[in-house]
Amino acid sequence: MEIYQSEEQQVEAIKSYWKTNGKSIMAGLFIGLVGFIGYNKYQESQLETQINASDAYQTVLELENKDQATYVSAAEKFINENDKTSYAALTALALAKEEAKKENWQKSAEYLTSAVASAPNEGIKGIATVRLARVQVQQAEFEQALTTLATPLAESFAAVAAEIKGDAFLKLGKTDQARNAYQQAIDADATNPTLQMKFDDLAEVIDLPSAAK
């Protein structure tokens, strides 16, 4: 089952940008910092770590379309060694996607949990969070999915988060909450026909008992 939607384009854009520009950006920041504050050893060490992580990340990316076992092993090693960098979150997202394709939901959830923890900004954190909630719904962990989505997210994730909440509430038999969540999703993204379809289908289910009388 395909559980990824438009945010996949965001991930690919971030990966492509950092693959092309990551090293030069970090080097530029390093040079600029040195020019302003001199040779501060702590800052120098931090930026050097980021530059090294950028190099290692690009090496991992080059393995992605080659030997899968080698790629997974290298990616996991990279995450463990660079868990404080933005590259760790991107790598965890990529691994989670591969596991989801194989419907290995538990492993996918583990990678996504790692991505949420190491996400450097609201964009990557939001992507990892909604994907984790989707995977938890696949695992029938509906309450956990709702807990995951209780974390404040950027406004751009309002529609997808509300839709997943609606799915979880529906599976729990909480039709009123599901309807409210789907309506919130529609209010946030009125252009998505799937949301309206889910809302209409749920309305028909709710109306069936009264119609039967």
Protein backbone atom coordinates (compact mmCIF):
# COMPACT_ATOMS: atom_id res chain seq x y z
CA MET A 1 0.00 0.00 0.00
CA GLU A 2 1.26 3.46 -0.91
CA ILE A 3 1.30 5.60 2.22
CA TYR A 4 3.34 8.52 0.94
CA GLN A 5 1.84 11.55 -0.78
CA SER A 6 3.05 14.97 -1.87
CA GLU A 7 5.56 15.40 0.96
CA GLU A 8 7.79 12.88 -0.84
CA GLN A 9 8.57 15.64 -3.32
CA GLN A 10 9.74 17.80 -0.41
CA VAL A 11 12.11 15.10 0.80
CA GLU A 12 13.56 14.55 -2.68
CA ALA A 13 14.03 18.29 -3.12
CA ILE A 14 15.88 18.56 0.21
CA LYS A 15 18.06 15.55 -0.60
CA SER A 16 18.89 16.86 -4.05
CA TYR A 17 19.70 20.32 -2.73
CA TRP A 18 22.02 19.07 -0.02
CA LYS A 19 23.65 16.56 -2.34
CA THR A 20 24.53 19.40 -4.70
CA ASN A 21 25.18 22.25 -2.29
CA GLY A 22 25.64 20.84 1.20
CA LYS A 23 29.42 20.79 1.26
CA SER A 24 29.84 24.25 -0.26
CA ILE A 25 27.25 25.74 2.11
CA MET A 26 28.96 24.32 5.18
CA ALA A 27 32.36 25.40 3.88
CA GLY A 28 31.04 28.91 3.30
CA LEU A 29 29.64 29.08 6.81
CA PHE A 30 32.95 27.88 8.15
CA ILE A 31 34.94 30.52 6.29
CA GLY A 32 32.49 33.25 7.27
CA LEU A 33 32.57 32.27 10.92
CA VAL A 34 36.34 32.25 10.96
CA GLY A 35 36.39 35.69 9.36
CA PHE A 36 34.11 37.16 12.02
CA ILE A 37 35.23 35.52 15.24
CA GLY A 38 38.63 34.05 14.52
CA TYR A 39 39.73 30.54 15.35
CA ASN A 40 37.23 29.58 17.99
CA LYS A 41 38.04 25.92 18.51
CA TYR A 42 34.57 24.83 19.56
CA GLN A 43 32.81 26.43 16.59
CA GLU A 44 35.50 25.19 14.25
CA SER A 45 34.99 21.66 15.51
CA GLN A 46 31.22 21.85 15.11
CA LEU A 47 31.39 23.07 11.52
CA GLU A 48 34.05 20.53 10.63
CA THR A 49 31.70 17.84 11.93
CA GLN A 50 28.92 19.12 9.67
CA ILE A 51 31.19 19.21 6.63
CA ASN A 52 32.36 15.66 7.29
CA ALA A 53 28.76 14.57 7.72
CA SER A 54 27.89 16.16 4.38
CA ASP A 55 30.64 14.16 2.66
CA ALA A 56 29.54 10.93 4.33
CA TYR A 57 25.88 11.58 3.46
CA GLN A 58 26.70 12.01 -0.21
CA THR A 59 28.60 8.71 -0.10
CA VAL A 60 25.53 6.98 1.33
CA LEU A 61 23.29 8.53 -1.35
CA GLU A 62 25.54 7.10 -4.06
CA LEU A 63 24.86 3.61 -2.71
CA GLU A 64 21.07 4.02 -2.71
CA ASN A 65 20.51 2.68 -6.22
CA LYS A 66 23.22 0.03 -6.06
CA ASP A 67 23.50 -2.95 -3.71
CA GLN A 68 20.56 -2.70 -1.29
CA ALA A 69 22.16 -4.60 1.58
CA THR A 70 25.29 -2.48 1.41
CA TYR A 71 23.19 0.67 1.25
CA VAL A 72 21.10 -0.23 4.31
CA SER A 73 24.16 -1.18 6.31
CA ALA A 74 25.99 2.02 5.38
CA ALA A 75 22.89 4.14 6.05
CA GLU A 76 22.33 2.67 9.50
CA LYS A 77 25.98 3.17 10.36
CA PHE A 78 25.74 6.76 9.15
CA ILE A 79 22.67 7.46 11.31
CA ASN A 80 24.38 6.09 14.41
CA GLU A 81 27.49 8.15 13.82
CA ASN A 82 25.76 11.38 12.79
CA ASP A 83 22.56 11.37 14.84
CA LYS A 84 22.91 15.07 15.74
CA THR A 85 22.89 16.25 12.11
CA SER A 86 20.10 16.97 9.64
CA TYR A 87 21.47 14.26 7.34
CA ALA A 88 20.58 11.57 9.87
CA ALA A 89 16.89 12.45 9.64
CA LEU A 90 16.92 12.39 5.83
CA THR A 91 18.66 9.03 5.82
CA ALA A 92 16.17 7.59 8.31
CA LEU A 93 13.29 8.80 6.13
CA ALA A 94 14.78 7.02 3.12
CA LEU A 95 15.20 3.76 5.03
CA ALA A 96 11.67 4.00 6.41
CA LYS A 97 10.28 4.39 2.91
CA GLU A 98 12.05 1.24 1.72
CA GLU A 99 10.70 -0.77 4.66
CA ALA A 100 7.19 0.56 4.04
CA LYS A 101 7.37 -0.65 0.44
CA LYS A 102 7.94 -4.13 1.84
CA GLU A 103 5.15 -3.57 4.39
CA ASN A 104 7.66 -4.04 7.17
CA TRP A 105 5.77 -1.55 9.30
CA GLN A 106 7.63 -2.12 12.56
CA LYS A 107 11.04 -1.43 11.06
CA SER A 108 9.66 1.54 9.16
CA ALA A 109 8.26 2.94 12.42
CA GLU A 110 11.65 2.59 14.09
CA TYR A 111 13.36 4.58 11.35
CA LEU A 112 10.65 7.24 11.41
CA THR A 113 10.90 7.58 15.18
CA SER A 114 14.61 8.19 14.68
CA ALA A 115 13.87 10.77 11.99
CA VAL A 116 11.45 12.65 14.24
CA ALA A 117 14.03 12.74 17.03
CA SER A 118 16.85 14.05 14.82
CA ALA A 119 14.81 16.35 12.56
CA PRO A 120 16.54 19.76 12.35
CA ASN A 121 13.50 21.79 11.31
CA GLU A 122 9.70 21.82 11.22
CA GLY A 123 9.55 20.63 7.62
CA ILE A 124 11.46 17.39 8.06
CA LYS A 125 9.90 16.82 11.49
CA GLY A 126 6.42 17.22 10.02
CA ILE A 127 7.10 14.77 7.20
CA ALA A 128 8.52 12.18 9.60
CA THR A 129 5.66 12.66 12.07
CA VAL A 130 2.79 12.19 9.61
CA ARG A 131 4.53 9.21 8.04
CA LEU A 132 5.02 7.65 11.46
CA ALA A 133 1.32 8.15 12.22
CA ARG A 134 0.38 6.50 8.91
CA VAL A 135 2.56 3.52 9.69
CA GLN A 136 1.02 3.25 13.16
CA VAL A 137 -2.43 3.15 11.56
CA GLN A 138 -1.17 0.33 9.32
CA GLN A 139 -0.07 -1.49 12.48
CA ALA A 140 -3.54 -0.96 14.02
CA GLU A 141 -1.91 1.24 16.66
CA PHE A 142 -4.65 3.82 16.37
CA GLU A 143 -4.32 5.41 19.79
CA GLN A 144 -0.56 5.70 19.30
CA ALA A 145 -1.11 7.38 15.94
CA LEU A 146 -3.33 9.98 17.62
CA THR A 147 -0.67 10.51 20.27
CA THR A 148 1.97 10.99 17.58
CA LEU A 149 -0.18 13.62 15.87
CA ALA A 150 -0.76 15.47 19.14
CA THR A 151 2.68 17.02 18.59
CA PRO A 152 2.31 20.55 17.15
CA LEU A 153 3.17 20.61 13.44
CA ALA A 154 3.63 23.33 10.85
CA GLU A 155 0.42 24.62 9.27
CA SER A 156 1.31 22.98 5.94
CA PHE A 157 0.70 19.57 7.55
CA ALA A 158 -2.75 20.44 8.95
CA ALA A 159 -4.76 18.65 6.26
CA VAL A 160 -2.80 15.41 6.18
CA ALA A 161 -2.58 15.24 9.98
CA ALA A 162 -6.34 15.74 10.30
CA GLU A 163 -7.00 13.09 7.65
CA ILE A 164 -4.88 10.52 9.49
CA LYS A 165 -6.64 11.40 12.74
CA GLY A 166 -9.94 10.78 10.97
CA ASP A 167 -8.72 7.38 9.78
CA ALA A 168 -7.61 6.45 13.30
CA PHE A 169 -10.85 7.61 14.91
CA LEU A 170 -12.85 5.69 12.32
CA LYS A 171 -10.95 2.48 13.05
CA LEU A 172 -11.62 3.03 16.75
CA GLY A 173 -15.34 3.33 16.05
CA LYS A 174 -15.40 6.99 17.08
CA THR A 175 -17.42 8.23 14.14
CA ASP A 176 -18.19 11.71 15.48
CA GLN A 177 -14.51 12.44 16.07
CA ALA A 178 -13.68 10.97 12.67
CA ARG A 179 -16.20 13.22 10.95
CA ASN A 180 -14.87 16.27 12.76
CA ALA A 181 -11.30 15.37 11.80
CA TYR A 182 -12.21 14.88 8.13
CA GLN A 183 -14.00 18.24 8.15
CA GLN A 184 -10.87 19.87 9.58
CA ALA A 185 -8.86 18.24 6.79
CA ILE A 186 -11.28 19.58 4.17
CA ASP A 187 -11.12 23.05 5.70
CA ALA A 188 -7.32 22.93 5.43
CA ASP A 189 -7.28 21.51 1.88
CA ALA A 190 -10.54 21.88 -0.01
CA THR A 191 -8.90 20.79 -3.28
CA ASN A 192 -8.34 17.18 -2.21
CA PRO A 193 -11.27 15.05 -3.50
CA THR A 194 -10.24 12.09 -1.33
CA LEU A 195 -11.01 14.05 1.83
CA GLN A 196 -14.52 14.93 0.67
CA MET A 197 -15.11 11.31 -0.35
CA LYS A 198 -14.09 10.06 3.09
CA PHE A 199 -16.35 12.63 4.74
CA ASP A 200 -19.32 11.74 2.51
CA ASP A 201 -18.84 8.00 2.99
CA LEU A 202 -18.74 8.46 6.74
CA ALA A 203 -21.86 10.61 6.67
CA GLU A 204 -23.70 7.80 4.85
CA VAL A 205 -22.59 5.27 7.46
CA ILE A 206 -23.77 7.52 10.29
CA ASP A 207 -27.13 8.09 8.61
CA LEU A 208 -27.81 4.38 8.02
CA PRO A 209 -29.20 3.59 11.51
CA SER A 210 -31.73 6.43 11.38
CA ALA A 211 -32.70 5.50 7.81
CA ALA A 212 -33.31 1.90 8.86
CA LYS A 213 -35.83 3.05 11.44
